[in-house]
Amino acid sequence: MATVTAPVAEEVDAPPEANPDAGLLRIVAPMVGTYYEAPAPGAKAYVAPGDMVSVGQVVCIVEAMKLMNEIQSEVSGRVERICVENGQPVEFGQEIFLVSPA
């Protein structure tokens, strides 16, 4: 009895995918804690996607050990994405915001 084998497809190196976040600046959590988008429940968020931020502007709060720490932007530009949900735990160095340079 003859055996038939299926042709093997050649593996072709796929072109590298474009990174949509390339060129964006990152605002990261300076400590472990809980991310809050506003100064109080029901209050307006400090920033939203599309907002312009400047160096020194408060962009969120990270609660650590029952202390509310206002996090200031170290970059200027337009907020492109908020990477965490309100009330979500964050780790030291975790991306919170992606900002396109001004």
PDB file of N, CA and C in Angstrom:
ATOM      1  N   MET A   1       0.843  -1.158   0.000  1.00  0.00           N
ATOM      2  CA  MET A   1       0.000   0.000   0.000  1.00  0.00           C
ATOM      3  C   MET A   1       0.896   1.231   0.000  1.00  0.00           C
ATOM      4  N   ALA A   2       0.581   2.175  -0.836  1.00  0.00           N
ATOM      5  CA  ALA A   2       1.369   3.402  -0.945  1.00  0.00           C
ATOM      6  C   ALA A   2       0.847   4.424   0.057  1.00  0.00           C
ATOM      7  N   THR A   3       1.766   5.179   0.637  1.00  0.00           N
ATOM      8  CA  THR A   3       1.346   6.248   1.550  1.00  0.00           C
ATOM      9  C   THR A   3       1.515   7.577   0.845  1.00  0.00           C
ATOM     10  N   VAL A   4       0.578   8.439   1.088  1.00  0.00           N
ATOM     11  CA  VAL A   4       0.603   9.763   0.482  1.00  0.00           C
ATOM     12  C   VAL A   4       0.790  10.772   1.608  1.00  0.00           C
ATOM     13  N   THR A   5       1.716  11.675   1.420  1.00  0.00           N
ATOM     14  CA  THR A   5       1.919  12.716   2.425  1.00  0.00           C
ATOM     15  C   THR A   5       1.480  14.044   1.841  1.00  0.00           C
ATOM     16  N   ALA A   6       0.917  14.845   2.693  1.00  0.00           N
ATOM     17  CA  ALA A   6       0.469  16.167   2.260  1.00  0.00           C
ATOM     18  C   ALA A   6       1.677  17.070   2.098  1.00  0.00           C
ATOM     19  N   PRO A   7       1.621  17.977   1.133  1.00  0.00           N
ATOM     20  CA  PRO A   7       2.743  18.907   0.979  1.00  0.00           C
ATOM     21  C   PRO A   7       2.883  19.777   2.239  1.00  0.00           C
ATOM     22  N   VAL A   8       4.104  20.067   2.581  1.00  0.00           N
ATOM     23  CA  VAL A   8       4.377  20.891   3.754  1.00  0.00           C
ATOM     24  C   VAL A   8       4.500  22.340   3.299  1.00  0.00           C
ATOM     25  N   ALA A   9       3.751  23.191   3.944  1.00  0.00           N
ATOM     26  CA  ALA A   9       3.822  24.615   3.607  1.00  0.00           C
ATOM     27  C   ALA A   9       5.117  25.188   4.159  1.00  0.00           C
ATOM     28  N   GLU A  10       5.752  26.003   3.352  1.00  0.00           N
ATOM     29  CA  GLU A  10       6.979  26.651   3.814  1.00  0.00           C
ATOM     30  C   GLU A  10       6.623  27.760   4.789  1.00  0.00           C
ATOM     31  N   GLU A  11       7.438  27.857   5.837  1.00  0.00           N
ATOM     32  CA  GLU A  11       7.234  28.949   6.780  1.00  0.00           C
ATOM     33  C   GLU A  11       7.902  30.191   6.209  1.00  0.00           C
ATOM     34  N   VAL A  12       7.133  31.242   6.145  1.00  0.00           N
ATOM     35  CA  VAL A  12       7.638  32.502   5.628  1.00  0.00           C
ATOM     36  C   VAL A  12       7.690  33.479   6.791  1.00  0.00           C
ATOM     37  N   ASP A  13       8.816  34.145   6.918  1.00  0.00           N
ATOM     38  CA  ASP A  13       8.921  35.143   7.979  1.00  0.00           C
ATOM     39  C   ASP A  13       7.931  36.263   7.691  1.00  0.00           C
ATOM     40  N   ALA A  14       7.023  36.451   8.628  1.00  0.00           N
ATOM     41  CA  ALA A  14       6.036  37.518   8.481  1.00  0.00           C
ATOM     42  C   ALA A  14       6.713  38.852   8.775  1.00  0.00           C
ATOM     43  N   PRO A  15       6.298  39.881   8.077  1.00  0.00           N
ATOM     44  CA  PRO A  15       6.883  41.195   8.379  1.00  0.00           C
ATOM     45  C   PRO A  15       6.515  41.589   9.804  1.00  0.00           C
ATOM     46  N   PRO A  16       7.390  42.284  10.484  1.00  0.00           N
ATOM     47  CA  PRO A  16       7.064  42.675  11.856  1.00  0.00           C
ATOM     48  C   PRO A  16       5.833  43.575  11.873  1.00  0.00           C
ATOM     49  N   GLU A  17       4.973  43.317  12.860  1.00  0.00           N
ATOM     50  CA  GLU A  17       3.762  44.123  12.974  1.00  0.00           C
ATOM     51  C   GLU A  17       4.127  45.506  13.495  1.00  0.00           C
ATOM     52  N   ALA A  18       3.458  46.486  12.965  1.00  0.00           N
ATOM     53  CA  ALA A  18       3.698  47.854  13.428  1.00  0.00           C
ATOM     54  C   ALA A  18       3.158  47.988  14.846  1.00  0.00           C
ATOM     55  N   ASN A  19       3.925  48.599  15.704  1.00  0.00           N
ATOM     56  CA  ASN A  19       3.501  48.811  17.083  1.00  0.00           C
ATOM     57  C   ASN A  19       2.694  50.103  17.138  1.00  0.00           C
ATOM     58  N   PRO A  20       1.380  50.006  17.428  1.00  0.00           N
ATOM     59  CA  PRO A  20       0.560  51.222  17.441  1.00  0.00           C
ATOM     60  C   PRO A  20       0.948  52.188  18.560  1.00  0.00           C
ATOM     61  N   ASP A  21       1.677  51.692  19.561  1.00  0.00           N
ATOM     62  CA  ASP A  21       2.089  52.541  20.680  1.00  0.00           C
ATOM     63  C   ASP A  21       3.466  53.161  20.474  1.00  0.00           C
ATOM     64  N   ALA A  22       4.099  52.868  19.342  1.00  0.00           N
ATOM     65  CA  ALA A  22       5.426  53.429  19.079  1.00  0.00           C
ATOM     66  C   ALA A  22       5.325  54.947  19.031  1.00  0.00           C
ATOM     67  N   GLY A  23       6.253  55.591  19.672  1.00  0.00           N
ATOM     68  CA  GLY A  23       6.283  57.044  19.673  1.00  0.00           C
ATOM     69  C   GLY A  23       5.439  57.688  20.759  1.00  0.00           C
ATOM     70  N   LEU A  24       4.666  56.873  21.490  1.00  0.00           N
ATOM     71  CA  LEU A  24       3.858  57.432  22.569  1.00  0.00           C
ATOM     72  C   LEU A  24       4.669  57.471  23.857  1.00  0.00           C
ATOM     73  N   LEU A  25       4.408  58.481  24.653  1.00  0.00           N
ATOM     74  CA  LEU A  25       5.055  58.617  25.956  1.00  0.00           C
ATOM     75  C   LEU A  25       4.197  57.908  26.989  1.00  0.00           C
ATOM     76  N   ARG A  26       4.832  57.425  28.043  1.00  0.00           N
ATOM     77  CA  ARG A  26       4.119  56.676  29.058  1.00  0.00           C
ATOM     78  C   ARG A  26       4.129  57.412  30.392  1.00  0.00           C
ATOM     79  N   ILE A  27       2.989  57.404  31.043  1.00  0.00           N
ATOM     80  CA  ILE A  27       2.908  57.840  32.433  1.00  0.00           C
ATOM     81  C   ILE A  27       2.683  56.559  33.219  1.00  0.00           C
ATOM     82  N   VAL A  28       3.587  56.269  34.143  1.00  0.00           N
ATOM     83  CA  VAL A  28       3.548  55.001  34.864  1.00  0.00           C
ATOM     84  C   VAL A  28       3.265  55.224  36.346  1.00  0.00           C
ATOM     85  N   ALA A  29       2.821  54.158  36.993  1.00  0.00           N
ATOM     86  CA  ALA A  29       2.556  54.210  38.431  1.00  0.00           C
ATOM     87  C   ALA A  29       3.882  54.299  39.178  1.00  0.00           C
ATOM     88  N   PRO A  30       4.038  55.300  40.039  1.00  0.00           N
ATOM     89  CA  PRO A  30       5.284  55.438  40.786  1.00  0.00           C
ATOM     90  C   PRO A  30       5.325  54.567  42.038  1.00  0.00           C
ATOM     91  N   MET A  31       4.229  53.832  42.280  1.00  0.00           N
ATOM     92  CA  MET A  31       4.146  52.997  43.478  1.00  0.00           C
ATOM     93  C   MET A  31       3.069  51.942  43.266  1.00  0.00           C
ATOM     94  N   VAL A  32       3.064  50.947  44.118  1.00  0.00           N
ATOM     95  CA  VAL A  32       2.005  49.946  44.130  1.00  0.00           C
ATOM     96  C   VAL A  32       0.809  50.554  44.850  1.00  0.00           C
ATOM     97  N   GLY A  33      -0.378  50.356  44.312  1.00  0.00           N
ATOM     98  CA  GLY A  33      -1.567  50.887  44.969  1.00  0.00           C
ATOM     99  C   GLY A  33      -2.802  50.676  44.119  1.00  0.00           C
ATOM    100  N   THR A  34      -3.812  51.488  44.373  1.00  0.00           N
ATOM    101  CA  THR A  34      -5.069  51.418  43.640  1.00  0.00           C
ATOM    102  C   THR A  34      -5.247  52.712  42.853  1.00  0.00           C
ATOM    103  N   TYR A  35      -5.527  52.572  41.561  1.00  0.00           N
ATOM    104  CA  TYR A  35      -5.698  53.716  40.656  1.00  0.00           C
ATOM    105  C   TYR A  35      -7.108  54.285  40.781  1.00  0.00           C
ATOM    106  N   TYR A  36      -7.176  55.606  40.916  1.00  0.00           N
ATOM    107  CA  TYR A  36      -8.464  56.307  40.888  1.00  0.00           C
ATOM    108  C   TYR A  36      -8.371  57.446  39.882  1.00  0.00           C
ATOM    109  N   GLU A  37      -9.395  57.542  39.028  1.00  0.00           N
ATOM    110  CA  GLU A  37      -9.392  58.540  37.953  1.00  0.00           C
ATOM    111  C   GLU A  37      -9.863  59.917  38.397  1.00  0.00           C
ATOM    112  N   ALA A  38     -10.475  60.005  39.576  1.00  0.00           N
ATOM    113  CA  ALA A  38     -11.068  61.265  40.034  1.00  0.00           C
ATOM    114  C   ALA A  38     -10.748  61.494  41.508  1.00  0.00           C
ATOM    115  N   PRO A  39     -10.888  62.736  41.966  1.00  0.00           N
ATOM    116  CA  PRO A  39     -10.563  63.038  43.361  1.00  0.00           C
ATOM    117  C   PRO A  39     -11.558  62.466  44.369  1.00  0.00           C
ATOM    118  N   ALA A  40     -12.772  62.131  43.909  1.00  0.00           N
ATOM    119  CA  ALA A  40     -13.790  61.574  44.794  1.00  0.00           C
ATOM    120  C   ALA A  40     -14.766  60.751  43.956  1.00  0.00           C
ATOM    121  N   PRO A  41     -15.455  59.789  44.572  1.00  0.00           N
ATOM    122  CA  PRO A  41     -16.460  59.027  43.818  1.00  0.00           C
ATOM    123  C   PRO A  41     -17.505  59.972  43.224  1.00  0.00           C
ATOM    124  N   GLY A  42     -17.818  59.779  41.961  1.00  0.00           N
ATOM    125  CA  GLY A  42     -18.810  60.611  41.286  1.00  0.00           C
ATOM    126  C   GLY A  42     -18.273  61.919  40.738  1.00  0.00           C
ATOM    127  N   ALA A  43     -17.031  62.260  41.076  1.00  0.00           N
ATOM    128  CA  ALA A  43     -16.426  63.501  40.569  1.00  0.00           C
ATOM    129  C   ALA A  43     -15.922  63.286  39.144  1.00  0.00           C
ATOM    130  N   LYS A  44     -15.717  64.381  38.435  1.00  0.00           N
ATOM    131  CA  LYS A  44     -15.180  64.333  37.072  1.00  0.00           C
ATOM    132  C   LYS A  44     -13.748  63.802  37.109  1.00  0.00           C
ATOM    133  N   ALA A  45     -13.422  62.948  36.140  1.00  0.00           N
ATOM    134  CA  ALA A  45     -12.069  62.389  36.043  1.00  0.00           C
ATOM    135  C   ALA A  45     -11.059  63.502  35.796  1.00  0.00           C
ATOM    136  N   TYR A  46      -9.856  63.311  36.323  1.00  0.00           N
ATOM    137  CA  TYR A  46      -8.792  64.295  36.101  1.00  0.00           C
ATOM    138  C   TYR A  46      -8.525  64.471  34.608  1.00  0.00           C
ATOM    139  N   VAL A  47      -8.419  63.362  33.880  1.00  0.00           N
ATOM    140  CA  VAL A  47      -8.174  63.417  32.436  1.00  0.00           C
ATOM    141  C   VAL A  47      -8.966  62.316  31.741  1.00  0.00           C
ATOM    142  N   ALA A  48      -9.194  62.518  30.449  1.00  0.00           N
ATOM    143  CA  ALA A  48      -9.876  61.544  29.605  1.00  0.00           C
ATOM    144  C   ALA A  48      -9.111  61.450  28.293  1.00  0.00           C
ATOM    145  N   PRO A  49      -9.303  60.371  27.541  1.00  0.00           N
ATOM    146  CA  PRO A  49      -8.654  60.296  26.235  1.00  0.00           C
ATOM    147  C   PRO A  49      -9.004  61.521  25.393  1.00  0.00           C
ATOM    148  N   GLY A  50      -7.974  62.083  24.769  1.00  0.00           N
ATOM    149  CA  GLY A  50      -8.149  63.281  23.955  1.00  0.00           C
ATOM    150  C   GLY A  50      -7.786  64.560  24.682  1.00  0.00           C
ATOM    151  N   ASP A  51      -7.726  64.504  26.010  1.00  0.00           N
ATOM    152  CA  ASP A  51      -7.347  65.689  26.790  1.00  0.00           C
ATOM    153  C   ASP A  51      -5.861  65.980  26.632  1.00  0.00           C
ATOM    154  N   MET A  52      -5.521  67.253  26.712  1.00  0.00           N
ATOM    155  CA  MET A  52      -4.120  67.670  26.728  1.00  0.00           C
ATOM    156  C   MET A  52      -3.651  67.711  28.177  1.00  0.00           C
ATOM    157  N   VAL A  53      -2.442  67.215  28.415  1.00  0.00           N
ATOM    158  CA  VAL A  53      -1.843  67.283  29.749  1.00  0.00           C
ATOM    159  C   VAL A  53      -0.510  68.000  29.637  1.00  0.00           C
ATOM    160  N   SER A  54      -0.095  68.589  30.746  1.00  0.00           N
ATOM    161  CA  SER A  54       1.197  69.267  30.775  1.00  0.00           C
ATOM    162  C   SER A  54       1.986  68.771  31.979  1.00  0.00           C
ATOM    163  N   VAL A  55       3.275  69.012  31.949  1.00  0.00           N
ATOM    164  CA  VAL A  55       4.153  68.596  33.035  1.00  0.00           C
ATOM    165  C   VAL A  55       3.654  69.220  34.337  1.00  0.00           C
ATOM    166  N   GLY A  56       3.536  68.390  35.371  1.00  0.00           N
ATOM    167  CA  GLY A  56       3.101  68.860  36.678  1.00  0.00           C
ATOM    168  C   GLY A  56       1.604  68.792  36.915  1.00  0.00           C
ATOM    169  N   GLN A  57       0.836  68.514  35.875  1.00  0.00           N
ATOM    170  CA  GLN A  57      -0.619  68.427  36.013  1.00  0.00           C
ATOM    171  C   GLN A  57      -0.993  67.118  36.705  1.00  0.00           C
ATOM    172  N   VAL A  58      -1.919  67.171  37.666  1.00  0.00           N
ATOM    173  CA  VAL A  58      -2.404  65.961  38.328  1.00  0.00           C
ATOM    174  C   VAL A  58      -3.257  65.188  37.325  1.00  0.00           C
ATOM    175  N   VAL A  59      -2.939  63.894  37.140  1.00  0.00           N
ATOM    176  CA  VAL A  59      -3.659  63.077  36.168  1.00  0.00           C
ATOM    177  C   VAL A  59      -4.483  61.968  36.816  1.00  0.00           C
ATOM    178  N   CYS A  60      -4.170  61.620  38.066  1.00  0.00           N
ATOM    179  CA  CYS A  60      -4.913  60.581  38.761  1.00  0.00           C
ATOM    180  C   CYS A  60      -4.459  60.520  40.213  1.00  0.00           C
ATOM    181  N   ILE A  61      -5.036  59.590  40.938  1.00  0.00           N
ATOM    182  CA  ILE A  61      -4.631  59.310  42.316  1.00  0.00           C
ATOM    183  C   ILE A  61      -4.260  57.837  42.395  1.00  0.00           C
ATOM    184  N   VAL A  62      -3.202  57.530  43.133  1.00  0.00           N
ATOM    185  CA  VAL A  62      -2.887  56.148  43.483  1.00  0.00           C
ATOM    186  C   VAL A  62      -2.936  56.071  45.005  1.00  0.00           C
ATOM    187  N   GLU A  63      -3.862  55.246  45.489  1.00  0.00           N
ATOM    188  CA  GLU A  63      -3.990  55.045  46.938  1.00  0.00           C
ATOM    189  C   GLU A  63      -3.018  53.957  47.363  1.00  0.00           C
ATOM    190  N   ALA A  64      -2.186  54.280  48.330  1.00  0.00           N
ATOM    191  CA  ALA A  64      -1.234  53.312  48.871  1.00  0.00           C
ATOM    192  C   ALA A  64      -1.234  53.456  50.388  1.00  0.00           C
ATOM    193  N   MET A  65      -1.481  52.367  51.077  1.00  0.00           N
ATOM    194  CA  MET A  65      -1.479  52.358  52.540  1.00  0.00           C
ATOM    195  C   MET A  65      -2.418  53.431  53.094  1.00  0.00           C
ATOM    196  N   LYS A  66      -3.612  53.518  52.505  1.00  0.00           N
ATOM    197  CA  LYS A  66      -4.671  54.445  52.928  1.00  0.00           C
ATOM    198  C   LYS A  66      -4.332  55.915  52.690  1.00  0.00           C
ATOM    199  N   LEU A  67      -3.249  56.194  51.976  1.00  0.00           N
ATOM    200  CA  LEU A  67      -2.897  57.567  51.615  1.00  0.00           C
ATOM    201  C   LEU A  67      -3.238  57.786  50.146  1.00  0.00           C
ATOM    202  N   MET A  68      -3.886  58.911  49.849  1.00  0.00           N
ATOM    203  CA  MET A  68      -4.229  59.260  48.474  1.00  0.00           C
ATOM    204  C   MET A  68      -3.097  60.106  47.897  1.00  0.00           C
ATOM    205  N   ASN A  69      -2.374  59.557  46.936  1.00  0.00           N
ATOM    206  CA  ASN A  69      -1.217  60.221  46.331  1.00  0.00           C
ATOM    207  C   ASN A  69      -1.597  60.769  44.963  1.00  0.00           C
ATOM    208  N   GLU A  70      -1.559  62.088  44.809  1.00  0.00           N
ATOM    209  CA  GLU A  70      -1.830  62.692  43.508  1.00  0.00           C
ATOM    210  C   GLU A  70      -0.641  62.429  42.595  1.00  0.00           C
ATOM    211  N   ILE A  71      -0.917  61.881  41.420  1.00  0.00           N
ATOM    212  CA  ILE A  71       0.133  61.564  40.455  1.00  0.00           C
ATOM    213  C   ILE A  71       0.157  62.673  39.408  1.00  0.00           C
ATOM    214  N   GLN A  72       1.333  63.254  39.233  1.00  0.00           N
ATOM    215  CA  GLN A  72       1.499  64.346  38.279  1.00  0.00           C
ATOM    216  C   GLN A  72       2.167  63.832  37.008  1.00  0.00           C
ATOM    217  N   SER A  73       1.769  64.410  35.897  1.00  0.00           N
ATOM    218  CA  SER A  73       2.364  64.054  34.616  1.00  0.00           C
ATOM    219  C   SER A  73       3.802  64.564  34.549  1.00  0.00           C
ATOM    220  N   GLU A  74       4.661  63.745  33.997  1.00  0.00           N
ATOM    221  CA  GLU A  74       6.047  64.154  33.752  1.00  0.00           C
ATOM    222  C   GLU A  74       6.261  64.492  32.285  1.00  0.00           C
ATOM    223  N   VAL A  75       5.156  64.445  31.496  1.00  0.00           N
ATOM    224  CA  VAL A  75       5.235  64.721  30.060  1.00  0.00           C
ATOM    225  C   VAL A  75       4.096  65.661  29.664  1.00  0.00           C
ATOM    226  N   SER A  76       4.246  66.263  28.501  1.00  0.00           N
ATOM    227  CA  SER A  76       3.184  67.092  27.925  1.00  0.00           C
ATOM    228  C   SER A  76       2.707  66.438  26.639  1.00  0.00           C
ATOM    229  N   GLY A  77       1.406  66.493  26.402  1.00  0.00           N
ATOM    230  CA  GLY A  77       0.862  65.941  25.173  1.00  0.00           C
ATOM    231  C   GLY A  77      -0.607  65.616  25.314  1.00  0.00           C
ATOM    232  N   ARG A  78      -1.110  64.829  24.356  1.00  0.00           N
ATOM    233  CA  ARG A  78      -2.523  64.437  24.323  1.00  0.00           C
ATOM    234  C   ARG A  78      -2.655  63.004  24.845  1.00  0.00           C
ATOM    235  N   VAL A  79      -3.588  62.803  25.772  1.00  0.00           N
ATOM    236  CA  VAL A  79      -3.848  61.462  26.305  1.00  0.00           C
ATOM    237  C   VAL A  79      -4.475  60.631  25.189  1.00  0.00           C
ATOM    238  N   GLU A  80      -3.792  59.566  24.816  1.00  0.00           N
ATOM    239  CA  GLU A  80      -4.297  58.681  23.765  1.00  0.00           C
ATOM    240  C   GLU A  80      -5.069  57.503  24.350  1.00  0.00           C
ATOM    241  N   ARG A  81      -4.584  56.996  25.488  1.00  0.00           N
ATOM    242  CA  ARG A  81      -5.227  55.823  26.072  1.00  0.00           C
ATOM    243  C   ARG A  81      -5.013  55.805  27.571  1.00  0.00           C
ATOM    244  N   ILE A  82      -6.045  55.384  28.288  1.00  0.00           N
ATOM    245  CA  ILE A  82      -5.930  55.090  29.715  1.00  0.00           C
ATOM    246  C   ILE A  82      -5.861  53.570  29.805  1.00  0.00           C
ATOM    247  N   CYS A  83      -4.791  53.064  30.388  1.00  0.00           N
ATOM    248  CA  CYS A  83      -4.486  51.637  30.338  1.00  0.00           C
ATOM    249  C   CYS A  83      -5.069  50.828  31.493  1.00  0.00           C
ATOM    250  N   VAL A  84      -5.658  51.477  32.482  1.00  0.00           N
ATOM    251  CA  VAL A  84      -6.224  50.768  33.632  1.00  0.00           C
ATOM    252  C   VAL A  84      -7.639  51.277  33.900  1.00  0.00           C
ATOM    253  N   GLU A  85      -8.414  50.465  34.581  1.00  0.00           N
ATOM    254  CA  GLU A  85      -9.776  50.830  34.949  1.00  0.00           C
ATOM    255  C   GLU A  85      -9.785  51.488  36.321  1.00  0.00           C
ATOM    256  N   ASN A  86     -10.746  52.352  36.541  1.00  0.00           N
ATOM    257  CA  ASN A  86     -10.896  53.012  37.830  1.00  0.00           C
ATOM    258  C   ASN A  86     -11.053  51.959  38.934  1.00  0.00           C
ATOM    259  N   GLY A  87     -10.291  52.116  40.015  1.00  0.00           N
ATOM    260  CA  GLY A  87     -10.352  51.183  41.137  1.00  0.00           C
ATOM    261  C   GLY A  87      -9.479  49.953  40.987  1.00  0.00           C
ATOM    262  N   GLN A  88      -8.748  49.858  39.872  1.00  0.00           N
ATOM    263  CA  GLN A  88      -7.901  48.691  39.605  1.00  0.00           C
ATOM    264  C   GLN A  88      -6.561  48.823  40.322  1.00  0.00           C
ATOM    265  N   PRO A  89      -6.050  47.722  40.883  1.00  0.00           N
ATOM    266  CA  PRO A  89      -4.705  47.759  41.469  1.00  0.00           C
ATOM    267  C   PRO A  89      -3.658  47.996  40.381  1.00  0.00           C
ATOM    268  N   VAL A  90      -2.614  48.742  40.724  1.00  0.00           N
ATOM    269  CA  VAL A  90      -1.499  48.973  39.808  1.00  0.00           C
ATOM    270  C   VAL A  90      -0.198  48.600  40.501  1.00  0.00           C
ATOM    271  N   GLU A  91       0.769  48.201  39.703  1.00  0.00           N
ATOM    272  CA  GLU A  91       2.099  47.836  40.182  1.00  0.00           C
ATOM    273  C   GLU A  91       3.067  48.977  39.911  1.00  0.00           C
ATOM    274  N   PHE A  92       4.159  49.000  40.629  1.00  0.00           N
ATOM    275  CA  PHE A  92       5.210  49.982  40.388  1.00  0.00           C
ATOM    276  C   PHE A  92       5.666  49.870  38.940  1.00  0.00           C
ATOM    277  N   GLY A  93       5.690  50.983  38.218  1.00  0.00           N
ATOM    278  CA  GLY A  93       6.156  51.006  36.837  1.00  0.00           C
ATOM    279  C   GLY A  93       5.117  50.613  35.805  1.00  0.00           C
ATOM    280  N   GLN A  94       3.915  50.244  36.232  1.00  0.00           N
ATOM    281  CA  GLN A  94       2.865  49.855  35.290  1.00  0.00           C
ATOM    282  C   GLN A  94       2.369  51.071  34.519  1.00  0.00           C
ATOM    283  N   GLU A  95       2.160  50.909  33.218  1.00  0.00           N
ATOM    284  CA  GLU A  95       1.625  51.995  32.391  1.00  0.00           C
ATOM    285  C   GLU A  95       0.217  52.348  32.843  1.00  0.00           C
ATOM    286  N   ILE A  96      -0.007  53.635  33.046  1.00  0.00           N
ATOM    287  CA  ILE A  96      -1.350  54.109  33.372  1.00  0.00           C
ATOM    288  C   ILE A  96      -1.930  54.860  32.176  1.00  0.00           C
ATOM    289  N   PHE A  97      -1.119  55.723  31.567  1.00  0.00           N
ATOM    290  CA  PHE A  97      -1.557  56.519  30.421  1.00  0.00           C
ATOM    291  C   PHE A  97      -0.537  56.416  29.300  1.00  0.00           C
ATOM    292  N   LEU A  98      -1.034  56.478  28.053  1.00  0.00           N
ATOM    293  CA  LEU A  98      -0.180  56.647  26.882  1.00  0.00           C
ATOM    294  C   LEU A  98      -0.508  58.017  26.306  1.00  0.00           C
ATOM    295  N   VAL A  99       0.531  58.803  26.055  1.00  0.00           N
ATOM    296  CA  VAL A  99       0.379  60.203  25.658  1.00  0.00           C
ATOM    297  C   VAL A  99       1.171  60.456  24.382  1.00  0.00           C
ATOM    298  N   SER A 100       0.529  61.107  23.401  1.00  0.00           N
ATOM    299  CA  SER A 100       1.284  61.512  22.213  1.00  0.00           C
ATOM    300  C   SER A 100       1.952  62.845  22.528  1.00  0.00           C
ATOM    301  N   PRO A 101       3.230  62.980  22.180  1.00  0.00           N
ATOM    302  CA  PRO A 101       3.966  64.200  22.521  1.00  0.00           C
ATOM    303  C   PRO A 101       3.316  65.445  21.918  1.00  0.00           C
ATOM    304  N   ALA A 102       3.404  66.535  22.654  1.00  0.00           N
ATOM    305  CA  ALA A 102       2.842  67.804  22.172  1.00  0.00           C
ATOM    306  C   ALA A 102       3.791  68.450  21.190  1.00  0.00           C
TER     307      ALA A 102
END
